N, C-alpha and C. Protein backbone atom coordinates (compact mmCIF):
# COMPACT_ATOMS: atom_id res chain seq x y z
N MET A 1 33.87 140.67 129.97
CA MET A 1 32.57 140.18 130.45
C MET A 1 31.71 141.37 130.81
N LEU A 2 30.45 141.35 130.28
CA LEU A 2 29.62 142.54 130.42
C LEU A 2 28.96 142.65 131.78
N LEU A 3 28.65 141.55 132.40
CA LEU A 3 27.98 141.62 133.69
C LEU A 3 29.03 141.78 134.77
N LEU A 4 29.07 142.95 135.33
CA LEU A 4 30.09 143.29 136.33
C LEU A 4 29.42 143.73 137.60
N ILE A 5 30.09 143.58 138.69
CA ILE A 5 29.52 144.07 139.94
C ILE A 5 29.63 145.58 139.97
N THR A 6 28.68 146.21 140.63
CA THR A 6 28.59 147.66 140.63
C THR A 6 29.85 148.31 141.18
N ALA A 7 30.48 147.70 142.14
CA ALA A 7 31.66 148.30 142.74
C ALA A 7 32.76 148.50 141.73
N ILE A 8 32.93 147.53 140.82
CA ILE A 8 33.96 147.67 139.79
C ILE A 8 33.62 148.81 138.85
N LEU A 9 32.33 148.90 138.47
CA LEU A 9 31.91 149.95 137.56
C LEU A 9 32.12 151.33 138.14
N LEU A 10 31.86 151.47 139.43
CA LEU A 10 32.01 152.77 140.06
C LEU A 10 33.47 153.21 140.13
N SER A 11 34.38 152.24 140.04
CA SER A 11 35.79 152.59 140.11
C SER A 11 36.38 152.90 138.74
N THR A 12 35.57 152.73 137.65
CA THR A 12 36.07 152.97 136.30
C THR A 12 36.20 154.46 136.05
N PRO A 13 37.31 154.96 135.50
CA PRO A 13 37.46 156.38 135.22
C PRO A 13 36.44 156.86 134.21
N VAL A 14 35.94 158.09 134.40
CA VAL A 14 34.95 158.64 133.49
C VAL A 14 35.49 158.73 132.08
N GLY A 15 36.75 159.03 131.91
CA GLY A 15 37.33 159.21 130.60
C GLY A 15 37.38 157.96 129.76
N SER A 16 37.08 156.79 130.33
CA SER A 16 37.15 155.56 129.57
C SER A 16 35.90 155.30 128.74
N VAL A 17 34.87 156.13 128.89
CA VAL A 17 33.62 155.90 128.17
C VAL A 17 33.81 156.20 126.70
N ALA A 18 33.30 155.30 125.84
CA ALA A 18 33.44 155.50 124.40
C ALA A 18 32.60 156.68 123.95
N ALA A 19 33.08 157.38 122.95
CA ALA A 19 32.35 158.54 122.42
C ALA A 19 31.09 158.07 121.75
N GLY A 20 30.06 158.92 121.76
CA GLY A 20 28.83 158.63 121.04
C GLY A 20 27.69 158.18 121.93
N THR A 21 27.89 157.97 123.20
CA THR A 21 26.80 157.60 124.10
C THR A 21 26.20 158.86 124.70
N ASN A 22 25.08 159.26 124.20
CA ASN A 22 24.43 160.47 124.67
C ASN A 22 23.57 160.15 125.87
N GLY A 23 23.94 160.63 127.06
CA GLY A 23 23.26 160.27 128.29
C GLY A 23 21.81 160.68 128.33
N ILE A 24 21.46 161.85 127.78
CA ILE A 24 20.09 162.33 127.85
C ILE A 24 19.16 161.44 127.02
N GLU A 25 19.51 161.18 125.77
CA GLU A 25 18.68 160.36 124.91
C GLU A 25 18.61 158.92 125.43
N LEU A 26 19.72 158.39 125.85
CA LEU A 26 19.74 157.03 126.36
C LEU A 26 18.90 156.92 127.62
N LYS A 27 18.97 157.93 128.47
CA LYS A 27 18.18 157.91 129.71
C LYS A 27 16.68 157.86 129.39
N GLN A 28 16.26 158.59 128.37
CA GLN A 28 14.84 158.57 127.98
C GLN A 28 14.40 157.19 127.52
N LEU A 29 15.24 156.52 126.74
CA LEU A 29 14.92 155.17 126.27
C LEU A 29 14.87 154.18 127.43
N VAL A 30 15.82 154.30 128.35
CA VAL A 30 15.84 153.40 129.51
C VAL A 30 14.58 153.59 130.35
N GLN A 31 14.21 154.84 130.60
CA GLN A 31 13.02 155.11 131.41
C GLN A 31 11.76 154.58 130.75
N GLN A 32 11.70 154.68 129.43
CA GLN A 32 10.49 154.27 128.70
C GLN A 32 10.34 152.77 128.59
N TYR A 33 11.43 152.08 128.28
CA TYR A 33 11.34 150.66 127.98
C TYR A 33 11.91 149.74 129.06
N LEU A 34 12.64 150.31 130.01
CA LEU A 34 13.24 149.49 131.06
C LEU A 34 13.05 150.17 132.41
N PRO A 35 11.79 150.36 132.83
CA PRO A 35 11.54 151.02 134.11
C PRO A 35 12.17 150.25 135.26
N GLY A 36 12.73 151.01 136.21
CA GLY A 36 13.40 150.39 137.34
C GLY A 36 14.90 150.33 137.16
N ALA A 37 15.36 150.44 135.92
CA ALA A 37 16.80 150.47 135.66
C ALA A 37 17.30 151.91 135.74
N ARG A 38 18.62 152.08 135.84
CA ARG A 38 19.18 153.42 135.91
C ARG A 38 20.58 153.43 135.30
N LEU A 39 20.98 154.61 134.86
CA LEU A 39 22.32 154.79 134.33
C LEU A 39 23.25 155.21 135.44
N GLN A 40 24.50 154.77 135.38
CA GLN A 40 25.47 155.08 136.42
C GLN A 40 26.76 155.60 135.78
N PRO A 41 27.21 156.78 136.13
CA PRO A 41 26.52 157.75 136.98
C PRO A 41 25.39 158.43 136.22
N ASP A 42 24.46 159.01 136.95
CA ASP A 42 23.27 159.59 136.35
C ASP A 42 23.52 160.98 135.76
N ALA A 43 24.40 161.74 136.36
CA ALA A 43 24.56 163.14 135.95
C ALA A 43 25.34 163.37 134.65
N PRO A 44 26.50 162.72 134.43
CA PRO A 44 27.29 163.03 133.24
C PRO A 44 26.57 162.68 131.94
N ALA A 45 27.00 163.31 130.85
CA ALA A 45 26.40 163.04 129.54
C ALA A 45 26.79 161.67 129.03
N LYS A 46 27.86 161.10 129.56
CA LYS A 46 28.33 159.81 129.08
C LYS A 46 28.40 158.81 130.24
N PRO A 47 27.29 158.14 130.54
CA PRO A 47 27.28 157.18 131.65
C PRO A 47 28.17 155.98 131.34
N ARG A 48 28.61 155.31 132.39
CA ARG A 48 29.52 154.17 132.24
C ARG A 48 28.80 152.83 132.27
N ALA A 49 27.62 152.79 132.90
CA ALA A 49 26.96 151.50 133.07
C ALA A 49 25.44 151.66 133.12
N LEU A 50 24.76 150.59 132.77
CA LEU A 50 23.32 150.48 132.94
C LEU A 50 23.08 149.47 134.04
N ILE A 51 22.41 149.91 135.12
CA ILE A 51 22.15 149.05 136.27
C ILE A 51 20.69 148.61 136.22
N SER A 52 20.45 147.32 136.20
CA SER A 52 19.08 146.80 136.14
C SER A 52 18.39 146.95 137.48
N ALA A 53 17.08 146.75 137.50
CA ALA A 53 16.31 146.85 138.74
C ALA A 53 16.77 145.81 139.77
N SER A 54 17.29 144.67 139.29
CA SER A 54 17.75 143.62 140.19
C SER A 54 19.20 143.79 140.61
N GLY A 55 19.87 144.82 140.06
CA GLY A 55 21.25 145.08 140.45
C GLY A 55 22.31 144.62 139.47
N GLY A 56 21.92 143.94 138.39
CA GLY A 56 22.88 143.54 137.37
C GLY A 56 23.39 144.76 136.62
N ALA A 57 24.58 144.66 136.05
CA ALA A 57 25.19 145.81 135.40
C ALA A 57 25.68 145.48 134.00
N LEU A 58 25.46 146.41 133.09
CA LEU A 58 25.96 146.30 131.72
C LEU A 58 26.98 147.40 131.52
N ASP A 59 28.20 147.04 131.16
CA ASP A 59 29.26 148.02 130.93
C ASP A 59 29.06 148.65 129.56
N LEU A 60 28.74 149.93 129.51
CA LEU A 60 28.36 150.59 128.26
C LEU A 60 29.50 150.73 127.26
N PRO A 61 30.71 151.08 127.67
CA PRO A 61 31.80 151.14 126.69
C PRO A 61 32.04 149.79 126.01
N THR A 62 31.91 148.70 126.76
CA THR A 62 32.08 147.37 126.17
C THR A 62 30.95 147.05 125.21
N ALA A 63 29.72 147.44 125.57
CA ALA A 63 28.57 147.20 124.70
C ALA A 63 28.75 147.89 123.35
N LEU A 64 29.32 149.09 123.36
CA LEU A 64 29.53 149.83 122.12
C LEU A 64 30.58 149.18 121.22
N ARG A 65 31.40 148.32 121.79
CA ARG A 65 32.47 147.68 121.00
C ARG A 65 32.09 146.27 120.54
N GLU A 66 30.88 145.85 120.83
CA GLU A 66 30.47 144.50 120.44
C GLU A 66 30.56 144.30 118.92
N ASN A 67 31.08 143.17 118.53
CA ASN A 67 31.19 142.84 117.11
C ASN A 67 30.81 141.38 116.92
N PRO A 68 29.52 141.08 116.96
CA PRO A 68 29.09 139.67 116.92
C PRO A 68 29.39 139.02 115.58
N GLN A 69 29.66 137.73 115.63
CA GLN A 69 29.88 136.94 114.44
C GLN A 69 28.74 135.92 114.31
N PRO A 70 28.15 135.82 113.11
CA PRO A 70 27.03 134.87 112.94
C PRO A 70 27.47 133.43 113.02
N ARG A 71 26.58 132.59 113.50
CA ARG A 71 26.80 131.14 113.53
C ARG A 71 25.85 130.53 112.51
N LYS A 72 26.36 130.16 111.34
CA LYS A 72 25.51 129.73 110.24
C LYS A 72 24.63 128.53 110.61
N LYS A 73 25.22 127.58 111.30
CA LYS A 73 24.47 126.37 111.63
C LYS A 73 23.26 126.70 112.50
N ALA A 74 23.44 127.57 113.47
CA ALA A 74 22.35 127.91 114.38
C ALA A 74 21.34 128.85 113.74
N GLY A 75 21.81 129.68 112.81
CA GLY A 75 20.91 130.62 112.16
C GLY A 75 20.71 131.91 112.94
N TYR A 76 21.39 132.06 114.07
CA TYR A 76 21.25 133.24 114.91
C TYR A 76 22.61 133.68 115.42
N TRP A 77 22.65 134.92 115.89
CA TRP A 77 23.72 135.27 116.81
C TRP A 77 23.14 136.08 117.96
N VAL A 78 23.78 135.90 119.10
CA VAL A 78 23.33 136.55 120.34
C VAL A 78 24.54 137.22 120.97
N THR A 79 24.39 138.48 121.34
CA THR A 79 25.48 139.22 121.97
C THR A 79 25.26 139.30 123.48
N PRO A 80 26.29 139.65 124.24
CA PRO A 80 26.12 139.82 125.69
C PRO A 80 25.06 140.86 126.04
N THR A 81 24.95 141.92 125.22
CA THR A 81 23.93 142.94 125.52
C THR A 81 22.53 142.38 125.30
N MET A 82 22.33 141.58 124.25
CA MET A 82 21.04 140.93 124.05
C MET A 82 20.70 140.04 125.25
N THR A 83 21.69 139.30 125.73
CA THR A 83 21.47 138.43 126.88
C THR A 83 21.09 139.24 128.12
N PHE A 84 21.79 140.35 128.35
CA PHE A 84 21.49 141.21 129.49
C PHE A 84 20.05 141.72 129.41
N LEU A 85 19.65 142.23 128.25
CA LEU A 85 18.29 142.76 128.10
C LEU A 85 17.25 141.65 128.20
N SER A 86 17.56 140.46 127.71
CA SER A 86 16.62 139.34 127.82
C SER A 86 16.29 139.03 129.27
N ARG A 87 17.29 139.17 130.13
CA ARG A 87 17.10 138.87 131.56
C ARG A 87 16.21 139.90 132.26
N GLN A 88 15.94 141.02 131.61
CA GLN A 88 15.11 142.06 132.25
C GLN A 88 13.63 141.83 132.03
N HIS A 89 13.28 140.85 131.16
CA HIS A 89 11.87 140.50 130.92
C HIS A 89 11.04 141.74 130.57
N MET A 90 11.50 142.46 129.58
CA MET A 90 10.84 143.69 129.16
C MET A 90 9.46 143.41 128.56
N ALA A 91 8.52 144.33 128.75
CA ALA A 91 7.18 144.18 128.19
C ALA A 91 7.24 144.16 126.67
N ALA A 92 6.51 143.23 126.06
CA ALA A 92 6.47 143.14 124.60
C ALA A 92 5.07 142.73 124.15
N ALA A 93 4.07 143.48 124.63
CA ALA A 93 2.68 143.16 124.32
C ALA A 93 2.20 143.84 123.05
N THR A 94 2.89 144.88 122.61
CA THR A 94 2.45 145.65 121.44
C THR A 94 3.61 145.83 120.45
N THR A 95 3.27 146.28 119.25
CA THR A 95 4.32 146.55 118.25
C THR A 95 5.27 147.63 118.75
N ASN A 96 4.74 148.64 119.43
CA ASN A 96 5.61 149.70 119.96
C ASN A 96 6.59 149.14 120.99
N ASP A 97 6.11 148.22 121.83
CA ASP A 97 6.99 147.59 122.81
C ASP A 97 8.12 146.84 122.10
N ALA A 98 7.74 146.03 121.12
CA ALA A 98 8.73 145.21 120.41
C ALA A 98 9.77 146.08 119.71
N GLN A 99 9.30 147.12 119.05
CA GLN A 99 10.23 148.04 118.39
C GLN A 99 11.11 148.76 119.40
N GLY A 100 10.53 149.11 120.55
CA GLY A 100 11.28 149.81 121.58
C GLY A 100 12.40 148.98 122.16
N VAL A 101 12.19 147.66 122.28
CA VAL A 101 13.24 146.78 122.79
C VAL A 101 14.47 146.84 121.88
N ILE A 102 14.25 146.80 120.57
CA ILE A 102 15.37 146.82 119.64
C ILE A 102 15.97 148.22 119.54
N GLN A 103 15.15 149.24 119.68
CA GLN A 103 15.69 150.61 119.73
C GLN A 103 16.64 150.77 120.91
N LEU A 104 16.25 150.25 122.06
CA LEU A 104 17.11 150.33 123.24
C LEU A 104 18.40 149.52 123.01
N LEU A 105 18.27 148.34 122.42
CA LEU A 105 19.45 147.54 122.09
C LEU A 105 20.41 148.32 121.21
N HIS A 106 19.89 148.97 120.18
CA HIS A 106 20.74 149.75 119.27
C HIS A 106 21.35 150.97 119.97
N ALA A 107 20.58 151.61 120.84
CA ALA A 107 21.12 152.76 121.56
C ALA A 107 22.31 152.35 122.42
N LEU A 108 22.25 151.14 122.97
CA LEU A 108 23.33 150.65 123.83
C LEU A 108 24.53 150.16 123.04
N THR A 109 24.30 149.57 121.88
CA THR A 109 25.39 148.94 121.14
C THR A 109 25.87 149.75 119.93
N ARG A 110 25.05 150.70 119.45
CA ARG A 110 25.41 151.50 118.29
C ARG A 110 25.44 152.99 118.61
N GLY A 111 24.94 153.36 119.79
CA GLY A 111 24.84 154.77 120.16
C GLY A 111 23.43 155.27 119.92
N PRO A 112 22.90 156.14 120.78
CA PRO A 112 21.52 156.62 120.66
C PRO A 112 21.20 157.28 119.33
N SER A 113 22.17 157.95 118.72
CA SER A 113 21.91 158.63 117.45
C SER A 113 21.53 157.66 116.35
N SER A 114 21.95 156.39 116.46
CA SER A 114 21.65 155.40 115.42
C SER A 114 20.15 155.12 115.32
N VAL A 115 19.43 155.26 116.44
CA VAL A 115 18.01 154.95 116.46
C VAL A 115 17.23 155.83 115.50
N LYS A 116 17.66 157.09 115.37
CA LYS A 116 16.97 158.03 114.48
C LYS A 116 17.27 157.74 113.01
N GLN A 117 18.26 156.93 112.74
CA GLN A 117 18.65 156.63 111.36
C GLN A 117 18.09 155.31 110.86
N ILE A 118 17.25 154.67 111.68
CA ILE A 118 16.75 153.34 111.35
C ILE A 118 15.22 153.31 111.45
N ILE A 119 14.59 152.59 110.52
CA ILE A 119 13.15 152.34 110.57
C ILE A 119 12.95 150.95 111.19
N TYR A 120 12.06 150.86 112.17
CA TYR A 120 11.78 149.61 112.87
C TYR A 120 10.35 149.16 112.54
N ARG A 121 10.20 147.90 112.14
CA ARG A 121 8.88 147.35 111.83
C ARG A 121 8.72 146.02 112.56
N ALA A 122 7.82 145.98 113.52
CA ALA A 122 7.58 144.75 114.29
C ALA A 122 6.35 144.03 113.77
N SER A 123 6.45 142.72 113.63
CA SER A 123 5.33 141.88 113.20
C SER A 123 5.15 140.75 114.21
N ALA A 124 3.90 140.52 114.59
CA ALA A 124 3.61 139.44 115.53
C ALA A 124 3.74 138.09 114.82
N VAL A 125 4.41 137.14 115.46
CA VAL A 125 4.56 135.79 114.93
C VAL A 125 4.31 134.81 116.08
N ASP A 126 4.15 133.54 115.75
CA ASP A 126 3.97 132.53 116.79
C ASP A 126 5.19 132.55 117.71
N GLY A 127 4.95 132.78 118.99
CA GLY A 127 6.05 132.77 119.96
C GLY A 127 6.63 134.13 120.26
N GLY A 128 6.17 135.18 119.56
CA GLY A 128 6.72 136.50 119.86
C GLY A 128 6.63 137.48 118.73
N TRP A 129 7.78 138.09 118.40
CA TRP A 129 7.83 139.16 117.40
C TRP A 129 9.06 139.01 116.52
N VAL A 130 8.91 139.48 115.28
CA VAL A 130 10.06 139.69 114.40
C VAL A 130 10.12 141.19 114.14
N VAL A 131 11.28 141.77 114.37
CA VAL A 131 11.46 143.21 114.16
C VAL A 131 12.44 143.40 113.01
N GLU A 132 11.93 143.92 111.89
CA GLU A 132 12.76 144.21 110.73
C GLU A 132 13.33 145.62 110.86
N VAL A 133 14.54 145.81 110.37
CA VAL A 133 15.21 147.11 110.49
C VAL A 133 15.82 147.48 109.15
N GLU A 134 15.75 148.76 108.82
CA GLU A 134 16.35 149.25 107.58
C GLU A 134 16.70 150.72 107.73
N PRO A 135 17.65 151.21 106.92
CA PRO A 135 18.03 152.63 107.02
C PRO A 135 16.83 153.54 106.75
N ALA A 136 16.75 154.63 107.49
CA ALA A 136 15.64 155.58 107.31
C ALA A 136 15.80 156.40 106.05
N SER A 137 17.00 156.48 105.51
CA SER A 137 17.27 157.28 104.32
C SER A 137 18.20 156.53 103.39
N ALA A 138 18.03 156.73 102.10
CA ALA A 138 18.91 156.09 101.11
C ALA A 138 20.24 156.83 100.99
N LYS A 139 20.33 158.01 101.58
CA LYS A 139 21.57 158.77 101.50
C LYS A 139 22.64 158.13 102.40
N ASN A 140 23.83 158.01 101.86
CA ASN A 140 24.96 157.43 102.60
C ASN A 140 24.60 156.10 103.25
N PRO A 141 24.11 155.10 102.46
CA PRO A 141 23.70 153.82 103.05
C PRO A 141 24.84 153.08 103.73
N GLU A 142 26.09 153.43 103.35
CA GLU A 142 27.21 152.73 103.97
C GLU A 142 27.32 153.02 105.46
N LYS A 143 26.70 154.12 105.92
CA LYS A 143 26.75 154.45 107.34
C LYS A 143 25.87 153.52 108.17
N ILE A 144 24.84 152.96 107.55
CA ILE A 144 23.96 152.01 108.23
C ILE A 144 23.96 150.72 107.41
N PRO A 145 24.86 149.80 107.70
CA PRO A 145 24.94 148.56 106.93
C PRO A 145 23.62 147.78 106.99
N ALA A 146 23.39 146.96 105.98
CA ALA A 146 22.18 146.13 105.95
C ALA A 146 22.13 145.26 107.20
N MET A 147 20.96 145.18 107.80
CA MET A 147 20.79 144.41 109.02
C MET A 147 19.70 143.36 108.84
N THR A 148 19.92 142.19 109.38
CA THR A 148 18.92 141.14 109.34
C THR A 148 17.94 141.34 110.49
N PRO A 149 16.76 140.70 110.42
CA PRO A 149 15.73 140.93 111.44
C PRO A 149 16.14 140.42 112.82
N TYR A 150 15.51 141.00 113.82
CA TYR A 150 15.66 140.55 115.20
C TYR A 150 14.42 139.73 115.58
N GLU A 151 14.63 138.84 116.49
CA GLU A 151 13.55 137.97 116.96
C GLU A 151 13.40 138.13 118.46
N LEU A 152 12.17 138.36 118.90
CA LEU A 152 11.87 138.45 120.33
C LEU A 152 10.96 137.29 120.69
N LEU A 153 11.45 136.38 121.50
CA LEU A 153 10.61 135.31 122.01
C LEU A 153 10.00 135.78 123.32
N VAL A 154 8.70 135.57 123.50
CA VAL A 154 8.02 136.08 124.69
C VAL A 154 7.41 134.95 125.50
N ASP A 155 7.19 135.23 126.80
CA ASP A 155 6.57 134.24 127.67
C ASP A 155 5.06 134.42 127.69
N ALA A 156 4.38 133.68 128.56
CA ALA A 156 2.92 133.74 128.62
C ALA A 156 2.41 135.11 129.01
N GLY A 157 3.22 135.89 129.71
CA GLY A 157 2.82 137.23 130.13
C GLY A 157 3.19 138.30 129.11
N ARG A 158 3.60 137.88 127.91
CA ARG A 158 4.00 138.79 126.83
C ARG A 158 5.19 139.65 127.24
N ARG A 159 6.12 139.03 127.93
CA ARG A 159 7.38 139.69 128.27
C ARG A 159 8.52 138.96 127.57
N VAL A 160 9.56 139.70 127.23
CA VAL A 160 10.67 139.14 126.46
C VAL A 160 11.40 138.06 127.25
N ALA A 161 11.52 136.89 126.65
CA ALA A 161 12.28 135.80 127.25
C ALA A 161 13.65 135.69 126.60
N GLN A 162 13.73 136.06 125.32
CA GLN A 162 15.02 135.99 124.62
C GLN A 162 15.03 136.96 123.43
N ILE A 163 16.16 137.63 123.27
CA ILE A 163 16.40 138.49 122.11
C ILE A 163 17.52 137.85 121.30
N ARG A 164 17.33 137.70 120.00
CA ARG A 164 18.38 137.20 119.15
C ARG A 164 18.20 137.77 117.74
N GLN A 165 19.27 137.79 116.99
CA GLN A 165 19.23 138.33 115.63
C GLN A 165 19.41 137.20 114.64
N ARG A 166 18.59 137.20 113.61
CA ARG A 166 18.68 136.17 112.60
C ARG A 166 19.88 136.42 111.68
N CYS A 167 20.54 135.36 111.28
CA CYS A 167 21.67 135.49 110.36
C CYS A 167 21.21 135.77 108.94
N TYR A 168 19.96 135.41 108.65
CA TYR A 168 19.44 135.55 107.29
C TYR A 168 18.11 136.28 107.32
N ALA A 169 17.82 136.97 106.23
CA ALA A 169 16.59 137.75 106.15
C ALA A 169 15.38 136.83 106.07
N TYR A 170 14.51 136.92 107.06
CA TYR A 170 13.27 136.14 107.09
C TYR A 170 12.35 136.80 108.09
N ALA A 171 11.10 137.07 107.67
CA ALA A 171 10.18 137.81 108.52
C ALA A 171 9.09 136.94 109.13
N GLY A 172 9.22 135.62 109.00
CA GLY A 172 8.16 134.74 109.45
C GLY A 172 8.41 134.06 110.78
N SER A 173 7.76 132.94 110.97
CA SER A 173 7.74 132.19 112.22
C SER A 173 9.13 131.76 112.67
N PRO A 174 9.44 131.91 113.96
CA PRO A 174 10.72 131.41 114.49
C PRO A 174 10.89 129.92 114.28
N ALA A 175 9.82 129.14 114.44
CA ALA A 175 9.91 127.69 114.28
C ALA A 175 10.25 127.31 112.85
N VAL A 176 9.61 127.96 111.88
CA VAL A 176 9.87 127.68 110.46
C VAL A 176 11.29 128.10 110.10
N TYR A 177 11.70 129.27 110.57
CA TYR A 177 13.05 129.76 110.28
C TYR A 177 14.10 128.79 110.82
N GLU A 178 13.97 128.42 112.07
CA GLU A 178 14.97 127.57 112.71
C GLU A 178 15.04 126.20 112.05
N LEU A 179 13.89 125.61 111.75
CA LEU A 179 13.85 124.29 111.11
C LEU A 179 14.47 124.35 109.72
N THR A 180 14.16 125.40 108.96
CA THR A 180 14.68 125.52 107.60
C THR A 180 16.19 125.65 107.59
N VAL A 181 16.72 126.50 108.44
CA VAL A 181 18.17 126.69 108.50
C VAL A 181 18.87 125.39 108.88
N ARG A 182 18.36 124.71 109.89
CA ARG A 182 18.99 123.48 110.35
C ARG A 182 18.93 122.38 109.28
N THR A 183 17.76 122.25 108.64
CA THR A 183 17.59 121.22 107.62
C THR A 183 18.52 121.45 106.42
N VAL A 184 18.58 122.69 105.95
CA VAL A 184 19.43 123.01 104.80
C VAL A 184 20.90 122.82 105.16
N TYR A 185 21.28 123.21 106.35
CA TYR A 185 22.68 123.06 106.78
C TYR A 185 23.09 121.58 106.78
N GLU A 186 22.26 120.75 107.38
CA GLU A 186 22.59 119.33 107.47
C GLU A 186 22.66 118.71 106.07
N ARG A 187 21.76 119.11 105.19
CA ARG A 187 21.76 118.58 103.83
C ARG A 187 22.99 119.01 103.04
N GLU A 188 23.31 120.31 103.12
CA GLU A 188 24.42 120.84 102.34
C GLU A 188 25.77 120.35 102.84
N ILE A 189 25.89 120.15 104.13
CA ILE A 189 27.14 119.61 104.68
C ILE A 189 27.41 118.22 104.12
N LYS A 190 26.37 117.42 104.01
CA LYS A 190 26.53 116.07 103.48
C LYS A 190 26.82 116.08 101.99
N LEU A 191 26.22 117.02 101.25
CA LEU A 191 26.38 117.05 99.79
C LEU A 191 27.78 117.48 99.36
N ASN A 192 28.22 118.63 99.89
CA ASN A 192 29.50 119.17 99.40
C ASN A 192 30.25 119.97 100.46
N GLY A 193 30.08 119.56 101.69
CA GLY A 193 30.79 120.26 102.75
C GLY A 193 30.25 121.63 103.08
N GLY A 194 29.07 121.97 102.57
CA GLY A 194 28.43 123.25 102.90
C GLY A 194 28.85 124.41 102.04
N ILE A 195 29.52 124.16 100.90
CA ILE A 195 30.02 125.26 100.08
C ILE A 195 28.90 126.13 99.52
N ASN A 196 27.75 125.54 99.28
CA ASN A 196 26.61 126.30 98.73
C ASN A 196 25.55 126.62 99.78
N PHE A 197 25.90 126.47 101.04
CA PHE A 197 24.89 126.59 102.09
C PHE A 197 24.18 127.93 102.09
N GLN A 198 24.90 129.03 102.05
CA GLN A 198 24.25 130.34 102.17
C GLN A 198 23.27 130.59 101.03
N ALA A 199 23.67 130.29 99.81
CA ALA A 199 22.77 130.51 98.67
C ALA A 199 21.53 129.63 98.79
N MET A 200 21.72 128.39 99.22
CA MET A 200 20.59 127.47 99.31
C MET A 200 19.66 127.81 100.46
N VAL A 201 20.21 128.23 101.59
CA VAL A 201 19.33 128.56 102.72
C VAL A 201 18.51 129.80 102.41
N GLU A 202 19.10 130.77 101.74
CA GLU A 202 18.35 131.97 101.36
C GLU A 202 17.23 131.60 100.38
N LYS A 203 17.50 130.68 99.46
CA LYS A 203 16.49 130.23 98.50
C LYS A 203 15.35 129.52 99.21
N GLU A 204 15.69 128.62 100.13
CA GLU A 204 14.65 127.87 100.85
C GLU A 204 13.83 128.77 101.77
N LEU A 205 14.48 129.73 102.40
CA LEU A 205 13.75 130.66 103.26
C LEU A 205 12.77 131.51 102.46
N ALA A 206 13.17 131.89 101.25
CA ALA A 206 12.27 132.67 100.39
C ALA A 206 11.02 131.85 100.06
N LYS A 207 11.21 130.54 99.79
CA LYS A 207 10.07 129.67 99.51
C LYS A 207 9.15 129.55 100.73
N GLU A 208 9.75 129.38 101.90
CA GLU A 208 8.95 129.24 103.12
C GLU A 208 8.18 130.51 103.44
N TRP A 209 8.78 131.66 103.16
CA TRP A 209 8.09 132.93 103.42
C TRP A 209 6.88 133.07 102.51
N GLU A 210 6.99 132.64 101.26
CA GLU A 210 5.83 132.68 100.37
C GLU A 210 4.71 131.79 100.89
N LYS A 211 5.07 130.62 101.42
CA LYS A 211 4.07 129.72 102.01
C LYS A 211 3.39 130.37 103.21
N GLU A 212 4.19 131.00 104.06
CA GLU A 212 3.60 131.65 105.25
C GLU A 212 2.65 132.77 104.86
N LYS A 213 3.02 133.54 103.86
CA LYS A 213 2.15 134.64 103.42
C LYS A 213 0.84 134.10 102.85
N GLU A 214 0.91 133.00 102.12
CA GLU A 214 -0.30 132.40 101.58
C GLU A 214 -1.22 131.91 102.69
N GLN A 215 -0.63 131.28 103.70
CA GLN A 215 -1.40 130.79 104.83
C GLN A 215 -2.10 131.92 105.57
N LYS A 216 -1.41 133.06 105.72
CA LYS A 216 -1.99 134.21 106.41
C LYS A 216 -3.17 134.77 105.62
N MET A 217 -3.07 134.75 104.30
CA MET A 217 -4.15 135.27 103.45
C MET A 217 -5.40 134.39 103.54
N LEU A 218 -5.20 133.09 103.80
CA LEU A 218 -6.32 132.17 103.88
C LEU A 218 -7.00 132.18 105.24
N GLN A 219 -6.31 132.74 106.25
CA GLN A 219 -6.90 132.79 107.58
C GLN A 219 -8.04 133.79 107.63
N PRO A 220 -9.15 133.45 108.35
CA PRO A 220 -10.29 134.38 108.44
C PRO A 220 -9.96 135.63 109.21
């Protein structure tokens, strides 16, 4: 469980921290996108925990070992680190903010060095942002596996209410994405037990994305 009381975290041996967490780079990202939070301990190059402004704690070695599994029916997957960051209500009023939220997520779950190897592109959609991610270089693509877009749902104050990752590539509206995945799943389960679900949902999402792009072109 990622949310731990601070007393437990302070008792964790320093040597238990997973390799690859660079304290200096991570500290810069935390200060920029999560003001009020702090790394614990602050001095070592490999901190053990991220402490939120409200006192909640994220165990960093555990975050680095996250291995989420997609839920096809829901169309999303959510990790404990995404849930922790969602509770911080981070600012997401601009494209830089939206990209920064996912950069911080990657620094926590993939290591800070991964951020430099990825290109982040945020697009405003109804209800928040979609952040697409891709390798910054074509060299050694196996080091950065293909990633599906992230979705940031925001509240009326343009602060993050929920972070989640889409199971399938789609850069459009959260409402359209969610409805399409659910509709195709229910249809395919009835037809043949869902054996063709992935191929069909990708086909339907491609059609919906073309519709969304056409609608955007018609808007004044």
